[in-house]
Amino acid sequence: MRVKVCGMTQPDQVDQLAGLGATFAGFIFYPKSPRYVFKHMTITQIRKVNNINKVGVFVNSSIEEVLHLVDECRLHMVQLHGDESPKFCEKIADYVSVVKAFRLSDNDSVDWMIRPYMDVCDMFMFDTMGAGYGGTGKKFDWSVLKNSSIGKPFFLSGGIEPGDEAELKAFEQQPVAKALFAIDINSKFEVSPGVKDMEKLRPFIEHMKQ
């Protein structure tokens, strides 16, 4: 199983991710986030990262800003985590791979939410509904996905933590998980916002890749 480690802010930790077995590093370009990457890293530092797939996370940015940072930071993929319209996603997807994030509560109709985006995004991400944007550190009920016909590769996110390995392996056996592309981890593997606990990351990623 592929693993994306999001909210990266420390260049030395970014450099270690590939060696731990992670497939993606997530950089948050949302100024209100405690993990806003430009508080810690420069465009030049991000651009020089070349040993892992770089995902830029944006929340209600302009098309111009997203495409500018894709070019300047040499991002491989864009994750849109705000209220972006299908038309917005389509314009970005003409230039770079797009992951559209949906924040779910227990009674949401996943099929209804994703339908307008099916033809304009490359992948989806399912995260937990919370106040504001970005991670809540809490899980949603993964069973809301089990009767969905997602039809696109998707990331599973939202409060995943050390000790969830068996539950994730069980979820992988669900029919809906045929489209599960990667899992997304963040706050539960941190010492402080944006500073990862590498000793927690290592065994978790190793287990998920088995």
C-alpha atoms as a PDB file:
ATOM      1  CA  MET A   1       0.000   0.000   0.000  1.00  0.00           C
ATOM      2  CA  ARG A   2       1.299   3.413  -0.940  1.00  0.00           C
ATOM      3  CA  VAL A   3       1.673   5.972   1.841  1.00  0.00           C
ATOM      4  CA  LYS A   4       1.525   9.763   1.570  1.00  0.00           C
ATOM      5  CA  VAL A   5       3.010  11.701   4.469  1.00  0.00           C
ATOM      6  CA  CYS A   6       1.390  15.116   4.482  1.00  0.00           C
ATOM      7  CA  GLY A   7       2.251  18.388   6.176  1.00  0.00           C
ATOM      8  CA  MET A   8       5.993  18.148   5.614  1.00  0.00           C
ATOM      9  CA  THR A   9       7.957  21.221   6.723  1.00  0.00           C
ATOM     10  CA  GLN A  10      11.459  20.008   7.608  1.00  0.00           C
ATOM     11  CA  PRO A  11      13.908  19.524   4.716  1.00  0.00           C
ATOM     12  CA  ASP A  12      15.904  16.833   6.519  1.00  0.00           C
ATOM     13  CA  GLN A  13      12.744  14.830   7.185  1.00  0.00           C
ATOM     14  CA  VAL A  14      11.581  15.189   3.580  1.00  0.00           C
ATOM     15  CA  ASP A  15      14.917  13.749   2.499  1.00  0.00           C
ATOM     16  CA  GLN A  16      14.332  10.674   4.689  1.00  0.00           C
ATOM     17  CA  LEU A  17      10.812   9.817   3.518  1.00  0.00           C
ATOM     18  CA  ALA A  18      11.721   7.830   0.435  1.00  0.00           C
ATOM     19  CA  GLY A  19      14.136   5.735   2.463  1.00  0.00           C
ATOM     20  CA  LEU A  20      11.315   4.885   4.845  1.00  0.00           C
ATOM     21  CA  GLY A  21       9.223   3.641   1.938  1.00  0.00           C
ATOM     22  CA  ALA A  22       6.792   6.543   1.548  1.00  0.00           C
ATOM     23  CA  THR A  23       5.581   7.255  -1.985  1.00  0.00           C
ATOM     24  CA  PHE A  24       4.372  10.840  -1.573  1.00  0.00           C
ATOM     25  CA  ALA A  25       5.348  13.914   0.430  1.00  0.00           C
ATOM     26  CA  GLY A  26       2.598  16.480   0.969  1.00  0.00           C
ATOM     27  CA  PHE A  27       3.371  20.199   1.174  1.00  0.00           C
ATOM     28  CA  ILE A  28       0.603  22.489   2.414  1.00  0.00           C
ATOM     29  CA  PHE A  29       0.299  25.823   0.601  1.00  0.00           C
ATOM     30  CA  TYR A  30      -2.545  27.116   2.783  1.00  0.00           C
ATOM     31  CA  PRO A  31      -1.366  30.099   4.854  1.00  0.00           C
ATOM     32  CA  LYS A  32      -3.836  29.424   7.693  1.00  0.00           C
ATOM     33  CA  SER A  33      -2.503  25.923   8.257  1.00  0.00           C
ATOM     34  CA  PRO A  34      -0.084  25.320  11.157  1.00  0.00           C
ATOM     35  CA  ARG A  35       1.842  23.241   8.608  1.00  0.00           C
ATOM     36  CA  TYR A  36       2.073  26.007   5.999  1.00  0.00           C
ATOM     37  CA  VAL A  37       5.243  25.027   4.192  1.00  0.00           C
ATOM     38  CA  PHE A  38       6.520  28.542   3.470  1.00  0.00           C
ATOM     39  CA  LYS A  39       6.963  29.162   7.190  1.00  0.00           C
ATOM     40  CA  HIS A  40       9.778  26.629   7.053  1.00  0.00           C
ATOM     41  CA  MET A  41      10.941  25.964   3.493  1.00  0.00           C
ATOM     42  CA  THR A  42      11.638  28.081   0.423  1.00  0.00           C
ATOM     43  CA  ILE A  43      10.533  27.441  -3.129  1.00  0.00           C
ATOM     44  CA  THR A  44      14.127  26.536  -3.962  1.00  0.00           C
ATOM     45  CA  GLN A  45      14.263  23.916  -1.189  1.00  0.00           C
ATOM     46  CA  ILE A  46      11.026  22.316  -2.333  1.00  0.00           C
ATOM     47  CA  ARG A  47      12.107  22.392  -5.974  1.00  0.00           C
ATOM     48  CA  LYS A  48      15.318  20.527  -5.129  1.00  0.00           C
ATOM     49  CA  VAL A  49      13.439  17.580  -3.605  1.00  0.00           C
ATOM     50  CA  ASN A  50      13.701  14.936  -6.306  1.00  0.00           C
ATOM     51  CA  ASN A  51      13.599  11.548  -4.582  1.00  0.00           C
ATOM     52  CA  ILE A  52       9.840  11.393  -3.848  1.00  0.00           C
ATOM     53  CA  ASN A  53       6.566  12.421  -5.468  1.00  0.00           C
ATOM     54  CA  LYS A  54       5.624  15.930  -4.330  1.00  0.00           C
ATOM     55  CA  VAL A  55       1.976  16.753  -3.696  1.00  0.00           C
ATOM     56  CA  GLY A  56       0.937  20.383  -3.256  1.00  0.00           C
ATOM     57  CA  VAL A  57      -2.106  20.881  -1.007  1.00  0.00           C
ATOM     58  CA  PHE A  58      -4.205  23.959  -1.795  1.00  0.00           C
ATOM     59  CA  VAL A  59      -7.377  25.412  -0.262  1.00  0.00           C
ATOM     60  CA  ASN A  60      -9.430  27.798  -2.415  1.00  0.00           C
ATOM     61  CA  SER A  61      -6.376  29.254  -4.148  1.00  0.00           C
ATOM     62  CA  SER A  62      -6.571  30.914  -7.543  1.00  0.00           C
ATOM     63  CA  ILE A  63      -5.816  28.919 -10.658  1.00  0.00           C
ATOM     64  CA  GLU A  64      -2.872  31.220 -11.330  1.00  0.00           C
ATOM     65  CA  GLU A  65      -1.351  30.612  -7.896  1.00  0.00           C
ATOM     66  CA  VAL A  66      -1.720  26.845  -8.136  1.00  0.00           C
ATOM     67  CA  LEU A  67      -0.136  26.624 -11.579  1.00  0.00           C
ATOM     68  CA  HIS A  68       2.638  29.032 -10.608  1.00  0.00           C
ATOM     69  CA  LEU A  69       3.611  26.900  -7.615  1.00  0.00           C
ATOM     70  CA  VAL A  70       3.331  23.682  -9.619  1.00  0.00           C
ATOM     71  CA  ASP A  71       5.956  25.103 -11.948  1.00  0.00           C
ATOM     72  CA  GLU A  72       8.175  26.787  -9.373  1.00  0.00           C
ATOM     73  CA  CYS A  73       8.211  23.861  -6.914  1.00  0.00           C
ATOM     74  CA  ARG A  74       8.074  21.161  -9.616  1.00  0.00           C
ATOM     75  CA  LEU A  75       5.081  19.479  -8.026  1.00  0.00           C
ATOM     76  CA  HIS A  76       3.971  16.122  -9.382  1.00  0.00           C
ATOM     77  CA  MET A  77       0.389  16.330  -8.176  1.00  0.00           C
ATOM     78  CA  VAL A  78      -2.079  18.838  -6.723  1.00  0.00           C
ATOM     79  CA  GLN A  79      -4.523  18.118  -3.902  1.00  0.00           C
ATOM     80  CA  LEU A  80      -7.493  20.504  -3.788  1.00  0.00           C
ATOM     81  CA  HIS A  81      -8.852  20.552  -0.258  1.00  0.00           C
ATOM     82  CA  GLY A  82     -11.299  23.455  -0.352  1.00  0.00           C
ATOM     83  CA  ASP A  83     -14.550  24.292  -2.142  1.00  0.00           C
ATOM     84  CA  GLU A  84     -13.122  24.075  -5.638  1.00  0.00           C
ATOM     85  CA  SER A  85     -15.715  23.649  -8.392  1.00  0.00           C
ATOM     86  CA  PRO A  86     -15.557  20.945 -11.049  1.00  0.00           C
ATOM     87  CA  LYS A  87     -14.651  23.632 -13.596  1.00  0.00           C
ATOM     88  CA  PHE A  88     -11.742  24.795 -11.429  1.00  0.00           C
ATOM     89  CA  CYS A  89     -10.503  21.217 -11.057  1.00  0.00           C
ATOM     90  CA  GLU A  90     -10.748  20.671 -14.794  1.00  0.00           C
ATOM     91  CA  LYS A  91      -8.558  23.673 -15.535  1.00  0.00           C
ATOM     92  CA  ILE A  92      -5.889  22.469 -13.108  1.00  0.00           C
ATOM     93  CA  ALA A  93      -6.150  18.881 -14.377  1.00  0.00           C
ATOM     94  CA  ASP A  94      -5.334  20.071 -17.882  1.00  0.00           C
ATOM     95  CA  TYR A  95      -1.883  20.866 -16.517  1.00  0.00           C
ATOM     96  CA  VAL A  96      -1.131  18.444 -13.651  1.00  0.00           C
ATOM     97  CA  SER A  97      -2.719  15.452 -11.908  1.00  0.00           C
ATOM     98  CA  VAL A  98      -5.483  16.512  -9.509  1.00  0.00           C
ATOM     99  CA  VAL A  99      -6.678  14.875  -6.301  1.00  0.00           C
ATOM    100  CA  LYS A 100      -9.978  16.360  -5.091  1.00  0.00           C
ATOM    101  CA  ALA A 101     -10.523  15.994  -1.355  1.00  0.00           C
ATOM    102  CA  PHE A 102     -13.957  15.468   0.189  1.00  0.00           C
ATOM    103  CA  ARG A 103     -14.568  15.873   3.906  1.00  0.00           C
ATOM    104  CA  LEU A 104     -17.114  13.319   5.030  1.00  0.00           C
ATOM    105  CA  SER A 105     -19.492  13.034   7.936  1.00  0.00           C
ATOM    106  CA  ASP A 106     -21.261   9.822   8.824  1.00  0.00           C
ATOM    107  CA  ASN A 107     -24.406  10.315   6.718  1.00  0.00           C
ATOM    108  CA  ASP A 108     -22.944  11.765   3.536  1.00  0.00           C
ATOM    109  CA  SER A 109     -23.772  10.239   0.170  1.00  0.00           C
ATOM    110  CA  VAL A 110     -20.332   9.712  -1.293  1.00  0.00           C
ATOM    111  CA  ASP A 111     -21.620   8.860  -4.777  1.00  0.00           C
ATOM    112  CA  TRP A 112     -23.637  12.071  -4.890  1.00  0.00           C
ATOM    113  CA  MET A 113     -20.669  14.196  -3.740  1.00  0.00           C
ATOM    114  CA  ILE A 114     -18.171  12.850  -6.221  1.00  0.00           C
ATOM    115  CA  ARG A 115     -20.410  12.613  -9.301  1.00  0.00           C
ATOM    116  CA  PRO A 116     -19.779  16.180 -10.618  1.00  0.00           C
ATOM    117  CA  TYR A 117     -16.023  15.595 -10.322  1.00  0.00           C
ATOM    118  CA  MET A 118     -15.769  12.178 -11.950  1.00  0.00           C
ATOM    119  CA  ASP A 119     -14.706  13.443 -15.364  1.00  0.00           C
ATOM    120  CA  VAL A 120     -12.482  16.326 -14.246  1.00  0.00           C
ATOM    121  CA  CYS A 121     -10.203  14.835 -11.548  1.00  0.00           C
ATOM    122  CA  ASP A 122      -7.636  12.084 -11.594  1.00  0.00           C
ATOM    123  CA  MET A 123      -8.140  10.875  -8.035  1.00  0.00           C
ATOM    124  CA  PHE A 124     -10.167  11.541  -4.909  1.00  0.00           C
ATOM    125  CA  MET A 125      -9.322  11.815  -1.225  1.00  0.00           C
ATOM    126  CA  PHE A 126     -11.726  11.100   1.613  1.00  0.00           C
ATOM    127  CA  ASP A 127     -11.085  12.936   4.856  1.00  0.00           C
ATOM    128  CA  THR A 128     -13.020  13.810   8.012  1.00  0.00           C
ATOM    129  CA  MET A 129     -15.455  16.710   8.169  1.00  0.00           C
ATOM    130  CA  GLY A 130     -14.438  19.383  10.670  1.00  0.00           C
ATOM    131  CA  ALA A 131     -14.528  23.082  11.340  1.00  0.00           C
ATOM    132  CA  GLY A 132     -12.455  24.966   8.781  1.00  0.00           C
ATOM    133  CA  TYR A 133     -10.241  23.241   6.240  1.00  0.00           C
ATOM    134  CA  GLY A 134      -7.504  20.682   6.550  1.00  0.00           C
ATOM    135  CA  GLY A 135      -6.922  17.838   8.919  1.00  0.00           C
ATOM    136  CA  THR A 136      -8.945  17.255  12.048  1.00  0.00           C
ATOM    137  CA  GLY A 137      -6.844  14.423  13.435  1.00  0.00           C
ATOM    138  CA  LYS A 138     -10.082  12.431  13.668  1.00  0.00           C
ATOM    139  CA  LYS A 139     -11.340   9.438  11.726  1.00  0.00           C
ATOM    140  CA  PHE A 140     -14.573   9.259   9.837  1.00  0.00           C
ATOM    141  CA  ASP A 141     -16.526   6.029   9.667  1.00  0.00           C
ATOM    142  CA  TRP A 142     -14.879   4.214   6.779  1.00  0.00           C
ATOM    143  CA  SER A 143     -17.998   2.107   6.357  1.00  0.00           C
ATOM    144  CA  VAL A 144     -19.711   5.080   4.641  1.00  0.00           C
ATOM    145  CA  LEU A 145     -17.547   4.189   1.649  1.00  0.00           C
ATOM    146  CA  LYS A 146     -18.375   0.496   1.486  1.00  0.00           C
ATOM    147  CA  ASN A 147     -21.517   0.776  -0.649  1.00  0.00           C
ATOM    148  CA  SER A 148     -20.086   3.427  -2.954  1.00  0.00           C
ATOM    149  CA  SER A 149     -19.097   2.979  -6.567  1.00  0.00           C
ATOM    150  CA  ILE A 150     -16.148   5.331  -6.514  1.00  0.00           C
ATOM    151  CA  GLY A 151     -14.679   4.391  -9.862  1.00  0.00           C
ATOM    152  CA  LYS A 152     -11.526   6.460  -9.358  1.00  0.00           C
ATOM    153  CA  PRO A 153      -8.338   5.786  -7.420  1.00  0.00           C
ATOM    154  CA  PHE A 154      -8.619   7.349  -3.983  1.00  0.00           C
ATOM    155  CA  PHE A 155      -6.588   8.273  -0.913  1.00  0.00           C
ATOM    156  CA  LEU A 156      -7.938   7.379   2.525  1.00  0.00           C
ATOM    157  CA  SER A 157      -7.218  10.079   5.089  1.00  0.00           C
ATOM    158  CA  GLY A 158      -8.404  11.388   8.433  1.00  0.00           C
ATOM    159  CA  GLY A 159      -6.773  10.657  11.768  1.00  0.00           C
ATOM    160  CA  ILE A 160      -4.937   7.490  10.725  1.00  0.00           C
ATOM    161  CA  GLU A 161      -2.493   6.632  13.502  1.00  0.00           C
ATOM    162  CA  PRO A 162       0.000   4.041  14.726  1.00  0.00           C
ATOM    163  CA  GLY A 163      -1.935   0.917  15.657  1.00  0.00           C
ATOM    164  CA  ASP A 164      -4.398   1.220  12.754  1.00  0.00           C
ATOM    165  CA  GLU A 165      -2.474  -1.219  10.583  1.00  0.00           C
ATOM    166  CA  ALA A 166      -4.803  -4.198  11.157  1.00  0.00           C
ATOM    167  CA  GLU A 167      -7.922  -2.092  10.615  1.00  0.00           C
ATOM    168  CA  LEU A 168      -6.470  -0.704   7.391  1.00  0.00           C
ATOM    169  CA  LYS A 169      -5.569  -4.183   6.181  1.00  0.00           C
ATOM    170  CA  ALA A 170      -9.148  -5.268   6.875  1.00  0.00           C
ATOM    171  CA  PHE A 171     -10.488  -2.257   4.952  1.00  0.00           C
ATOM    172  CA  GLU A 172      -8.281  -3.263   2.019  1.00  0.00           C
ATOM    173  CA  GLN A 173     -10.355  -6.441   1.696  1.00  0.00           C
ATOM    174  CA  GLN A 174     -13.604  -4.490   1.143  1.00  0.00           C
ATOM    175  CA  PRO A 175     -14.832  -4.343  -2.480  1.00  0.00           C
ATOM    176  CA  VAL A 176     -14.644  -0.536  -2.473  1.00  0.00           C
ATOM    177  CA  ALA A 177     -10.943  -0.770  -1.642  1.00  0.00           C
ATOM    178  CA  LYS A 178     -10.209  -2.070  -5.131  1.00  0.00           C
ATOM    179  CA  ALA A 179      -9.865   1.635  -5.923  1.00  0.00           C
ATOM    180  CA  LEU A 180      -7.812   2.445  -2.801  1.00  0.00           C
ATOM    181  CA  PHE A 181      -4.663   4.045  -4.172  1.00  0.00           C
ATOM    182  CA  ALA A 182      -2.880   5.216  -1.018  1.00  0.00           C
ATOM    183  CA  ILE A 183      -3.357   6.191   2.585  1.00  0.00           C
ATOM    184  CA  ASP A 184      -2.616   9.693   3.829  1.00  0.00           C
ATOM    185  CA  ILE A 185      -1.096  10.281   7.260  1.00  0.00           C
ATOM    186  CA  ASN A 186      -0.234  13.448   9.107  1.00  0.00           C
ATOM    187  CA  SER A 187      -0.901  14.694  12.628  1.00  0.00           C
ATOM    188  CA  LYS A 188      -0.863  11.362  14.469  1.00  0.00           C
ATOM    189  CA  PHE A 189       2.762  10.898  13.425  1.00  0.00           C
ATOM    190  CA  GLU A 190       4.044  14.226  14.716  1.00  0.00           C
ATOM    191  CA  VAL A 191       6.028  15.642  17.595  1.00  0.00           C
ATOM    192  CA  SER A 192       4.539  19.072  16.831  1.00  0.00           C
ATOM    193  CA  PRO A 193       2.711  20.500  13.792  1.00  0.00           C
ATOM    194  CA  GLY A 194       4.845  19.836  10.729  1.00  0.00           C
ATOM    195  CA  VAL A 195       7.571  17.980  12.653  1.00  0.00           C
ATOM    196  CA  LYS A 196       7.209  14.240  12.153  1.00  0.00           C
ATOM    197  CA  ASP A 197       8.107  11.475  14.597  1.00  0.00           C
ATOM    198  CA  MET A 198      10.248   9.420  12.260  1.00  0.00           C
ATOM    199  CA  GLU A 199      10.360   6.484  14.675  1.00  0.00           C
ATOM    200  CA  LYS A 200       6.576   6.208  14.419  1.00  0.00           C
ATOM    201  CA  LEU A 201       6.604   6.539  10.647  1.00  0.00           C
ATOM    202  CA  ARG A 202       9.131   3.803   9.962  1.00  0.00           C
ATOM    203  CA  PRO A 203       7.324   0.733  11.356  1.00  0.00           C
ATOM    204  CA  PHE A 204       3.929   1.930  10.161  1.00  0.00           C
ATOM    205  CA  ILE A 205       5.041   2.390   6.560  1.00  0.00           C
ATOM    206  CA  GLU A 206       6.942  -0.908   6.606  1.00  0.00           C
ATOM    207  CA  HIS A 207       3.820  -2.724   7.830  1.00  0.00           C
ATOM    208  CA  MET A 208       1.545  -1.099   5.247  1.00  0.00           C
ATOM    209  CA  LYS A 209       3.873  -2.018   2.400  1.00  0.00           C
ATOM    210  CA  GLN A 210       3.882  -5.703   3.301  1.00  0.00           C
END
